[in-house]
Amino acid sequence: MTGTVQYSFRRVEKKYFLTPQQYQQMCAGMAAYMQADQHARYTIGNLYYDTENYALIRTSLEKPVYKEKLRIRSYGVPGDRDKVFVELKKV
């Protein structure tokens, strides 16, 4: 497939609820393969923006091939001079 450009793809997410015991077992099983980075002890905060009539979320719920989200993310509780990250997600 050399020279072929793929402009979109189908993203699949699966999310699961874990009991505290399942969470501990999962972390123990992954510990040998993972290393904490500089954000290991931070709370990640996300703030998603939408239009007045919620067009972005309504479009997202319809599961189109292409959708957009506008997000601001912080690591920890940001102070006046801390960095936050603005991301326009185009999926």
PDB file of N, CA and C in Angstrom:
ATOM      1  N   MET A   1       0.815  -1.190   0.000  1.00  0.00           N
ATOM      2  CA  MET A   1       0.000   0.000   0.000  1.00  0.00           C
ATOM      3  C   MET A   1       0.861   1.258   0.000  1.00  0.00           C
ATOM      4  N   THR A   2       2.021   1.202  -0.543  1.00  0.00           N
ATOM      5  CA  THR A   2       2.891   2.359  -0.616  1.00  0.00           C
ATOM      6  C   THR A   2       2.227   3.467  -1.423  1.00  0.00           C
ATOM      7  N   GLY A   3       2.278   4.689  -0.902  1.00  0.00           N
ATOM      8  CA  GLY A   3       1.706   5.832  -1.595  1.00  0.00           C
ATOM      9  C   GLY A   3       0.234   6.064  -1.310  1.00  0.00           C
ATOM     10  N   THR A   4      -0.407   5.180  -0.566  1.00  0.00           N
ATOM     11  CA  THR A   4      -1.823   5.340  -0.250  1.00  0.00           C
ATOM     12  C   THR A   4      -1.959   6.221   0.984  1.00  0.00           C
ATOM     13  N   VAL A   5      -2.853   7.202   0.912  1.00  0.00           N
ATOM     14  CA  VAL A   5      -3.104   8.088   2.039  1.00  0.00           C
ATOM     15  C   VAL A   5      -4.466   7.749   2.634  1.00  0.00           C
ATOM     16  N   GLN A   6      -4.488   7.527   3.924  1.00  0.00           N
ATOM     17  CA  GLN A   6      -5.737   7.243   4.623  1.00  0.00           C
ATOM     18  C   GLN A   6      -6.167   8.508   5.341  1.00  0.00           C
ATOM     19  N   TYR A   7      -7.332   9.051   5.003  1.00  0.00           N
ATOM     20  CA  TYR A   7      -7.794  10.306   5.558  1.00  0.00           C
ATOM     21  C   TYR A   7      -8.661  10.148   6.794  1.00  0.00           C
ATOM     22  N   SER A   8      -9.226   8.999   7.005  1.00  0.00           N
ATOM     23  CA  SER A   8     -10.005   8.770   8.212  1.00  0.00           C
ATOM     24  C   SER A   8      -9.912   7.293   8.571  1.00  0.00           C
ATOM     25  N   PHE A   9     -10.242   6.997   9.783  1.00  0.00           N
ATOM     26  CA  PHE A   9     -10.242   5.618  10.241  1.00  0.00           C
ATOM     27  C   PHE A   9     -11.374   5.445  11.230  1.00  0.00           C
ATOM     28  N   ARG A  10     -11.699   4.221  11.513  1.00  0.00           N
ATOM     29  CA  ARG A  10     -12.764   3.932  12.475  1.00  0.00           C
ATOM     30  C   ARG A  10     -12.122   3.632  13.816  1.00  0.00           C
ATOM     31  N   ARG A  11     -12.353   4.488  14.772  1.00  0.00           N
ATOM     32  CA  ARG A  11     -11.794   4.336  16.103  1.00  0.00           C
ATOM     33  C   ARG A  11     -12.762   3.527  16.951  1.00  0.00           C
ATOM     34  N   VAL A  12     -12.226   2.572  17.674  1.00  0.00           N
ATOM     35  CA  VAL A  12     -13.046   1.738  18.547  1.00  0.00           C
ATOM     36  C   VAL A  12     -12.515   1.869  19.966  1.00  0.00           C
ATOM     37  N   GLU A  13     -13.389   2.198  20.897  1.00  0.00           N
ATOM     38  CA  GLU A  13     -13.035   2.276  22.307  1.00  0.00           C
ATOM     39  C   GLU A  13     -13.908   1.314  23.080  1.00  0.00           C
ATOM     40  N   LYS A  14     -13.296   0.626  24.016  1.00  0.00           N
ATOM     41  CA  LYS A  14     -14.056  -0.224  24.931  1.00  0.00           C
ATOM     42  C   LYS A  14     -13.677   0.200  26.336  1.00  0.00           C
ATOM     43  N   LYS A  15     -14.686   0.489  27.144  1.00  0.00           N
ATOM     44  CA  LYS A  15     -14.459   0.937  28.508  1.00  0.00           C
ATOM     45  C   LYS A  15     -15.134  -0.038  29.457  1.00  0.00           C
ATOM     46  N   TYR A  16     -14.480  -0.261  30.595  1.00  0.00           N
ATOM     47  CA  TYR A  16     -14.990  -1.236  31.544  1.00  0.00           C
ATOM     48  C   TYR A  16     -14.977  -0.646  32.950  1.00  0.00           C
ATOM     49  N   PHE A  17     -15.972  -0.998  33.754  1.00  0.00           N
ATOM     50  CA  PHE A  17     -15.967  -0.671  35.170  1.00  0.00           C
ATOM     51  C   PHE A  17     -15.191  -1.762  35.889  1.00  0.00           C
ATOM     52  N   LEU A  18     -14.314  -1.368  36.807  1.00  0.00           N
ATOM     53  CA  LEU A  18     -13.535  -2.319  37.586  1.00  0.00           C
ATOM     54  C   LEU A  18     -13.865  -2.156  39.060  1.00  0.00           C
ATOM     55  N   THR A  19     -13.881  -3.251  39.762  1.00  0.00           N
ATOM     56  CA  THR A  19     -13.982  -3.180  41.216  1.00  0.00           C
ATOM     57  C   THR A  19     -12.603  -2.764  41.738  1.00  0.00           C
ATOM     58  N   PRO A  20     -12.514  -2.289  42.972  1.00  0.00           N
ATOM     59  CA  PRO A  20     -11.185  -1.968  43.514  1.00  0.00           C
ATOM     60  C   PRO A  20     -10.223  -3.161  43.463  1.00  0.00           C
ATOM     61  N   GLN A  21     -10.722  -4.355  43.702  1.00  0.00           N
ATOM     62  CA  GLN A  21      -9.875  -5.552  43.652  1.00  0.00           C
ATOM     63  C   GLN A  21      -9.389  -5.807  42.222  1.00  0.00           C
ATOM     64  N   GLN A  22     -10.252  -5.678  41.241  1.00  0.00           N
ATOM     65  CA  GLN A  22      -9.848  -5.856  39.840  1.00  0.00           C
ATOM     66  C   GLN A  22      -8.801  -4.818  39.437  1.00  0.00           C
ATOM     67  N   TYR A  23      -8.993  -3.573  39.905  1.00  0.00           N
ATOM     68  CA  TYR A  23      -8.035  -2.514  39.606  1.00  0.00           C
ATOM     69  C   TYR A  23      -6.657  -2.848  40.179  1.00  0.00           C
ATOM     70  N   GLN A  24      -6.609  -3.297  41.429  1.00  0.00           N
ATOM     71  CA  GLN A  24      -5.342  -3.659  42.059  1.00  0.00           C
ATOM     72  C   GLN A  24      -4.673  -4.818  41.313  1.00  0.00           C
ATOM     73  N   GLN A  25      -5.450  -5.808  40.906  1.00  0.00           N
ATOM     74  CA  GLN A  25      -4.905  -6.947  40.156  1.00  0.00           C
ATOM     75  C   GLN A  25      -4.360  -6.506  38.805  1.00  0.00           C
ATOM     76  N   MET A  26      -5.087  -5.619  38.129  1.00  0.00           N
ATOM     77  CA  MET A  26      -4.633  -5.129  36.840  1.00  0.00           C
ATOM     78  C   MET A  26      -3.326  -4.357  36.989  1.00  0.00           C
ATOM     79  N   CYS A  27      -3.258  -3.471  37.974  1.00  0.00           N
ATOM     80  CA  CYS A  27      -2.036  -2.689  38.194  1.00  0.00           C
ATOM     81  C   CYS A  27      -0.860  -3.592  38.533  1.00  0.00           C
ATOM     82  N   ALA A  28      -1.087  -4.594  39.361  1.00  0.00           N
ATOM     83  CA  ALA A  28      -0.014  -5.527  39.721  1.00  0.00           C
ATOM     84  C   ALA A  28       0.469  -6.296  38.489  1.00  0.00           C
ATOM     85  N   GLY A  29      -0.448  -6.691  37.634  1.00  0.00           N
ATOM     86  CA  GLY A  29      -0.072  -7.432  36.426  1.00  0.00           C
ATOM     87  C   GLY A  29       0.686  -6.593  35.414  1.00  0.00           C
ATOM     88  N   MET A  30       0.444  -5.287  35.389  1.00  0.00           N
ATOM     89  CA  MET A  30       1.099  -4.399  34.424  1.00  0.00           C
ATOM     90  C   MET A  30       2.377  -3.769  34.964  1.00  0.00           C
ATOM     91  N   ALA A  31       2.595  -3.837  36.263  1.00  0.00           N
ATOM     92  CA  ALA A  31       3.703  -3.118  36.913  1.00  0.00           C
ATOM     93  C   ALA A  31       5.064  -3.426  36.299  1.00  0.00           C
ATOM     94  N   ALA A  32       5.309  -4.663  35.914  1.00  0.00           N
ATOM     95  CA  ALA A  32       6.611  -5.042  35.352  1.00  0.00           C
ATOM     96  C   ALA A  32       6.851  -4.429  33.972  1.00  0.00           C
ATOM     97  N   TYR A  33       5.812  -3.942  33.318  1.00  0.00           N
ATOM     98  CA  TYR A  33       5.916  -3.434  31.955  1.00  0.00           C
ATOM     99  C   TYR A  33       5.767  -1.919  31.860  1.00  0.00           C
ATOM    100  N   MET A  34       5.539  -1.256  32.993  1.00  0.00           N
ATOM    101  CA  MET A  34       5.254   0.179  32.964  1.00  0.00           C
ATOM    102  C   MET A  34       6.175   0.933  33.907  1.00  0.00           C
ATOM    103  N   GLN A  35       6.393   2.212  33.565  1.00  0.00           N
ATOM    104  CA  GLN A  35       7.197   3.090  34.404  1.00  0.00           C
ATOM    105  C   GLN A  35       6.480   4.435  34.499  1.00  0.00           C
ATOM    106  N   ALA A  36       6.398   4.978  35.692  1.00  0.00           N
ATOM    107  CA  ALA A  36       5.722   6.261  35.887  1.00  0.00           C
ATOM    108  C   ALA A  36       6.493   7.374  35.186  1.00  0.00           C
ATOM    109  N   ASP A  37       5.750   8.303  34.564  1.00  0.00           N
ATOM    110  CA  ASP A  37       6.375   9.472  33.949  1.00  0.00           C
ATOM    111  C   ASP A  37       6.192  10.687  34.849  1.00  0.00           C
ATOM    112  N   GLN A  38       6.495  11.883  34.339  1.00  0.00           N
ATOM    113  CA  GLN A  38       6.424  13.087  35.164  1.00  0.00           C
ATOM    114  C   GLN A  38       5.005  13.441  35.577  1.00  0.00           C
ATOM    115  N   HIS A  39       3.995  12.846  34.951  1.00  0.00           N
ATOM    116  CA  HIS A  39       2.600  13.134  35.287  1.00  0.00           C
ATOM    117  C   HIS A  39       1.969  12.056  36.160  1.00  0.00           C
ATOM    118  N   ALA A  40       2.760  11.166  36.703  1.00  0.00           N
ATOM    119  CA  ALA A  40       2.226   9.993  37.403  1.00  0.00           C
ATOM    120  C   ALA A  40       1.344  10.340  38.598  1.00  0.00           C
ATOM    121  N   ARG A  41       1.585  11.436  39.255  1.00  0.00           N
ATOM    122  CA  ARG A  41       0.827  11.769  40.466  1.00  0.00           C
ATOM    123  C   ARG A  41      -0.127  12.943  40.262  1.00  0.00           C
ATOM    124  N   TYR A  42      -0.392  13.293  39.034  1.00  0.00           N
ATOM    125  CA  TYR A  42      -1.271  14.414  38.731  1.00  0.00           C
ATOM    126  C   TYR A  42      -2.698  13.949  38.504  1.00  0.00           C
ATOM    127  N   THR A  43      -3.613  14.809  38.838  1.00  0.00           N
ATOM    128  CA  THR A  43      -4.986  14.635  38.411  1.00  0.00           C
ATOM    129  C   THR A  43      -5.088  15.305  37.055  1.00  0.00           C
ATOM    130  N   ILE A  44      -5.669  14.646  36.093  1.00  0.00           N
ATOM    131  CA  ILE A  44      -5.832  15.226  34.766  1.00  0.00           C
ATOM    132  C   ILE A  44      -7.234  15.816  34.700  1.00  0.00           C
ATOM    133  N   GLY A  45      -7.306  17.101  34.369  1.00  0.00           N
ATOM    134  CA  GLY A  45      -8.595  17.779  34.250  1.00  0.00           C
ATOM    135  C   GLY A  45      -8.895  18.097  32.796  1.00  0.00           C
ATOM    136  N   ASN A  46     -10.090  17.752  32.346  1.00  0.00           N
ATOM    137  CA  ASN A  46     -10.517  18.037  30.981  1.00  0.00           C
ATOM    138  C   ASN A  46     -11.759  18.900  31.009  1.00  0.00           C
ATOM    139  N   LEU A  47     -11.805  19.859  30.095  1.00  0.00           N
ATOM    140  CA  LEU A  47     -12.967  20.705  29.922  1.00  0.00           C
ATOM    141  C   LEU A  47     -13.280  20.721  28.434  1.00  0.00           C
ATOM    142  N   TYR A  48     -14.460  20.221  28.067  1.00  0.00           N
ATOM    143  CA  TYR A  48     -14.872  20.169  26.668  1.00  0.00           C
ATOM    144  C   TYR A  48     -15.812  21.322  26.376  1.00  0.00           C
ATOM    145  N   TYR A  49     -15.623  21.962  25.220  1.00  0.00           N
ATOM    146  CA  TYR A  49     -16.482  23.062  24.795  1.00  0.00           C
ATOM    147  C   TYR A  49     -17.428  22.592  23.708  1.00  0.00           C
ATOM    148  N   ASP A  50     -18.584  23.237  23.620  1.00  0.00           N
ATOM    149  CA  ASP A  50     -19.587  22.893  22.626  1.00  0.00           C
ATOM    150  C   ASP A  50     -20.297  24.172  22.195  1.00  0.00           C
ATOM    151  N   THR A  51     -21.177  24.056  21.246  1.00  0.00           N
ATOM    152  CA  THR A  51     -21.970  25.194  20.799  1.00  0.00           C
ATOM    153  C   THR A  51     -23.148  25.391  21.756  1.00  0.00           C
ATOM    154  N   GLU A  52     -23.871  26.493  21.592  1.00  0.00           N
ATOM    155  CA  GLU A  52     -25.027  26.766  22.454  1.00  0.00           C
ATOM    156  C   GLU A  52     -26.093  25.683  22.371  1.00  0.00           C
ATOM    157  N   ASN A  53     -26.218  25.042  21.203  1.00  0.00           N
ATOM    158  CA  ASN A  53     -27.241  24.004  21.043  1.00  0.00           C
ATOM    159  C   ASN A  53     -26.637  22.586  21.085  1.00  0.00           C
ATOM    160  N   TYR A  54     -25.432  22.452  21.619  1.00  0.00           N
ATOM    161  CA  TYR A  54     -24.774  21.155  21.824  1.00  0.00           C
ATOM    162  C   TYR A  54     -24.555  20.380  20.519  1.00  0.00           C
ATOM    163  N   ALA A  55     -24.205  21.089  19.462  1.00  0.00           N
ATOM    164  CA  ALA A  55     -24.028  20.451  18.152  1.00  0.00           C
ATOM    165  C   ALA A  55     -22.894  19.429  18.151  1.00  0.00           C
ATOM    166  N   LEU A  56     -21.800  19.700  18.852  1.00  0.00           N
ATOM    167  CA  LEU A  56     -20.660  18.775  18.823  1.00  0.00           C
ATOM    168  C   LEU A  56     -20.991  17.442  19.479  1.00  0.00           C
ATOM    169  N   ILE A  57     -21.606  17.474  20.645  1.00  0.00           N
ATOM    170  CA  ILE A  57     -21.929  16.212  21.312  1.00  0.00           C
ATOM    171  C   ILE A  57     -23.040  15.472  20.580  1.00  0.00           C
ATOM    172  N   ARG A  58     -24.020  16.204  20.054  1.00  0.00           N
ATOM    173  CA  ARG A  58     -25.088  15.521  19.318  1.00  0.00           C
ATOM    174  C   ARG A  58     -24.534  14.835  18.076  1.00  0.00           C
ATOM    175  N   THR A  59     -23.624  15.502  17.380  1.00  0.00           N
ATOM    176  CA  THR A  59     -22.993  14.888  16.211  1.00  0.00           C
ATOM    177  C   THR A  59     -22.173  13.675  16.631  1.00  0.00           C
ATOM    178  N   SER A  60     -21.432  13.809  17.722  1.00  0.00           N
ATOM    179  CA  SER A  60     -20.604  12.708  18.213  1.00  0.00           C
ATOM    180  C   SER A  60     -21.440  11.476  18.552  1.00  0.00           C
ATOM    181  N   LEU A  61     -22.600  11.688  19.167  1.00  0.00           N
ATOM    182  CA  LEU A  61     -23.463  10.565  19.548  1.00  0.00           C
ATOM    183  C   LEU A  61     -24.054   9.832  18.342  1.00  0.00           C
ATOM    184  N   GLU A  62     -24.090  10.508  17.208  1.00  0.00           N
ATOM    185  CA  GLU A  62     -24.578   9.871  15.981  1.00  0.00           C
ATOM    186  C   GLU A  62     -23.525   8.971  15.347  1.00  0.00           C
ATOM    187  N   LYS A  63     -22.310   8.976  15.916  1.00  0.00           N
ATOM    188  CA  LYS A  63     -21.197   8.129  15.471  1.00  0.00           C
ATOM    189  C   LYS A  63     -20.859   8.324  13.986  1.00  0.00           C
ATOM    190  N   PRO A  64     -20.578   9.560  13.577  1.00  0.00           N
ATOM    191  CA  PRO A  64     -20.198   9.788  12.183  1.00  0.00           C
ATOM    192  C   PRO A  64     -18.772   9.297  11.914  1.00  0.00           C
ATOM    193  N   VAL A  65     -18.398   9.231  10.659  1.00  0.00           N
ATOM    194  CA  VAL A  65     -17.027   8.850  10.301  1.00  0.00           C
ATOM    195  C   VAL A  65     -16.053   9.918  10.793  1.00  0.00           C
ATOM    196  N   TYR A  66     -16.455  11.182  10.737  1.00  0.00           N
ATOM    197  CA  TYR A  66     -15.604  12.303  11.118  1.00  0.00           C
ATOM    198  C   TYR A  66     -16.319  13.158  12.158  1.00  0.00           C
ATOM    199  N   LYS A  67     -15.602  13.562  13.219  1.00  0.00           N
ATOM    200  CA  LYS A  67     -16.185  14.465  14.212  1.00  0.00           C
ATOM    201  C   LYS A  67     -15.077  15.308  14.838  1.00  0.00           C
ATOM    202  N   GLU A  68     -15.477  16.385  15.493  1.00  0.00           N
ATOM    203  CA  GLU A  68     -14.536  17.289  16.139  1.00  0.00           C
ATOM    204  C   GLU A  68     -14.916  17.501  17.604  1.00  0.00           C
ATOM    205  N   LYS A  69     -13.875  17.754  18.425  1.00  0.00           N
ATOM    206  CA  LYS A  69     -14.073  18.101  19.826  1.00  0.00           C
ATOM    207  C   LYS A  69     -13.050  19.172  20.173  1.00  0.00           C
ATOM    208  N   LEU A  70     -13.438  20.125  21.016  1.00  0.00           N
ATOM    209  CA  LEU A  70     -12.534  21.154  21.502  1.00  0.00           C
ATOM    210  C   LEU A  70     -12.346  20.937  22.992  1.00  0.00           C
ATOM    211  N   ARG A  71     -11.089  20.718  23.398  1.00  0.00           N
ATOM    212  CA  ARG A  71     -10.813  20.341  24.781  1.00  0.00           C
ATOM    213  C   ARG A  71      -9.682  21.189  25.351  1.00  0.00           C
ATOM    214  N   ILE A  72      -9.804  21.520  26.627  1.00  0.00           N
ATOM    215  CA  ILE A  72      -8.707  22.107  27.395  1.00  0.00           C
ATOM    216  C   ILE A  72      -8.334  21.082  28.458  1.00  0.00           C
ATOM    217  N   ARG A  73      -7.027  20.806  28.596  1.00  0.00           N
ATOM    218  CA  ARG A  73      -6.555  19.796  29.550  1.00  0.00           C
ATOM    219  C   ARG A  73      -5.512  20.414  30.472  1.00  0.00           C
ATOM    220  N   SER A  74      -5.592  20.052  31.751  1.00  0.00           N
ATOM    221  CA  SER A  74      -4.578  20.459  32.718  1.00  0.00           C
ATOM    222  C   SER A  74      -4.090  19.222  33.461  1.00  0.00           C
ATOM    223  N   TYR A  75      -2.868  19.315  33.926  1.00  0.00           N
ATOM    224  CA  TYR A  75      -2.293  18.271  34.767  1.00  0.00           C
ATOM    225  C   TYR A  75      -2.160  18.868  36.162  1.00  0.00           C
ATOM    226  N   GLY A  76      -2.955  18.365  37.089  1.00  0.00           N
ATOM    227  CA  GLY A  76      -3.031  18.974  38.402  1.00  0.00           C
ATOM    228  C   GLY A  76      -4.008  20.137  38.360  1.00  0.00           C
ATOM    229  N   VAL A  77      -4.154  20.835  39.460  1.00  0.00           N
ATOM    230  CA  VAL A  77      -5.027  22.007  39.515  1.00  0.00           C
ATOM    231  C   VAL A  77      -4.184  23.196  39.066  1.00  0.00           C
ATOM    232  N   PRO A  78      -4.501  23.792  37.922  1.00  0.00           N
ATOM    233  CA  PRO A  78      -3.628  24.847  37.399  1.00  0.00           C
ATOM    234  C   PRO A  78      -3.744  26.138  38.192  1.00  0.00           C
ATOM    235  N   GLY A  79      -2.599  26.771  38.391  1.00  0.00           N
ATOM    236  CA  GLY A  79      -2.552  28.096  38.987  1.00  0.00           C
ATOM    237  C   GLY A  79      -2.527  29.145  37.887  1.00  0.00           C
ATOM    238  N   ASP A  80      -2.415  30.395  38.281  1.00  0.00           N
ATOM    239  CA  ASP A  80      -2.454  31.505  37.324  1.00  0.00           C
ATOM    240  C   ASP A  80      -1.369  31.428  36.249  1.00  0.00           C
ATOM    241  N   ARG A  81      -0.214  30.871  36.558  1.00  0.00           N
ATOM    242  CA  ARG A  81       0.907  30.841  35.608  1.00  0.00           C
ATOM    243  C   ARG A  81       1.220  29.434  35.092  1.00  0.00           C
ATOM    244  N   ASP A  82       0.386  28.465  35.411  1.00  0.00           N
ATOM    245  CA  ASP A  82       0.614  27.094  34.951  1.00  0.00           C
ATOM    246  C   ASP A  82       0.121  26.907  33.526  1.00  0.00           C
ATOM    247  N   LYS A  83       0.692  25.930  32.853  1.00  0.00           N
ATOM    248  CA  LYS A  83       0.293  25.614  31.482  1.00  0.00           C
ATOM    249  C   LYS A  83      -0.969  24.769  31.472  1.00  0.00           C
ATOM    250  N   VAL A  84      -1.834  25.069  30.529  1.00  0.00           N
ATOM    251  CA  VAL A  84      -2.947  24.198  30.180  1.00  0.00           C
ATOM    252  C   VAL A  84      -2.850  23.982  28.679  1.00  0.00           C
ATOM    253  N   PHE A  85      -3.437  22.936  28.192  1.00  0.00           N
ATOM    254  CA  PHE A  85      -3.290  22.545  26.798  1.00  0.00           C
ATOM    255  C   PHE A  85      -4.639  22.595  26.101  1.00  0.00           C
ATOM    256  N   VAL A  86      -4.685  23.293  24.968  1.00  0.00           N
ATOM    257  CA  VAL A  86      -5.905  23.390  24.170  1.00  0.00           C
ATOM    258  C   VAL A  86      -5.743  22.449  22.989  1.00  0.00           C
ATOM    259  N   GLU A  87      -6.736  21.628  22.751  1.00  0.00           N
ATOM    260  CA  GLU A  87      -6.645  20.634  21.689  1.00  0.00           C
ATOM    261  C   GLU A  87      -7.931  20.619  20.872  1.00  0.00           C
ATOM    262  N   LEU A  88      -7.788  20.736  19.589  1.00  0.00           N
ATOM    263  CA  LEU A  88      -8.906  20.533  18.669  1.00  0.00           C
ATOM    264  C   LEU A  88      -8.758  19.115  18.156  1.00  0.00           C
ATOM    265  N   LYS A  89      -9.597  18.239  18.643  1.00  0.00           N
ATOM    266  CA  LYS A  89      -9.538  16.828  18.245  1.00  0.00           C
ATOM    267  C   LYS A  89     -10.368  16.649  16.994  1.00  0.00           C
ATOM    268  N   LYS A  90      -9.729  16.149  15.969  1.00  0.00           N
ATOM    269  CA  LYS A  90     -10.422  15.851  14.717  1.00  0.00           C
ATOM    270  C   LYS A  90     -10.294  14.364  14.483  1.00  0.00           C
ATOM    271  N   VAL A  91     -11.371  13.661  14.733  1.00  0.00           N
ATOM    272  CA  VAL A  91     -11.371  12.198  14.636  1.00  0.00           C
ATOM    273  C   VAL A  91     -12.263  11.764  13.509  1.00  0.00           C
TER     274      VAL A  91
END
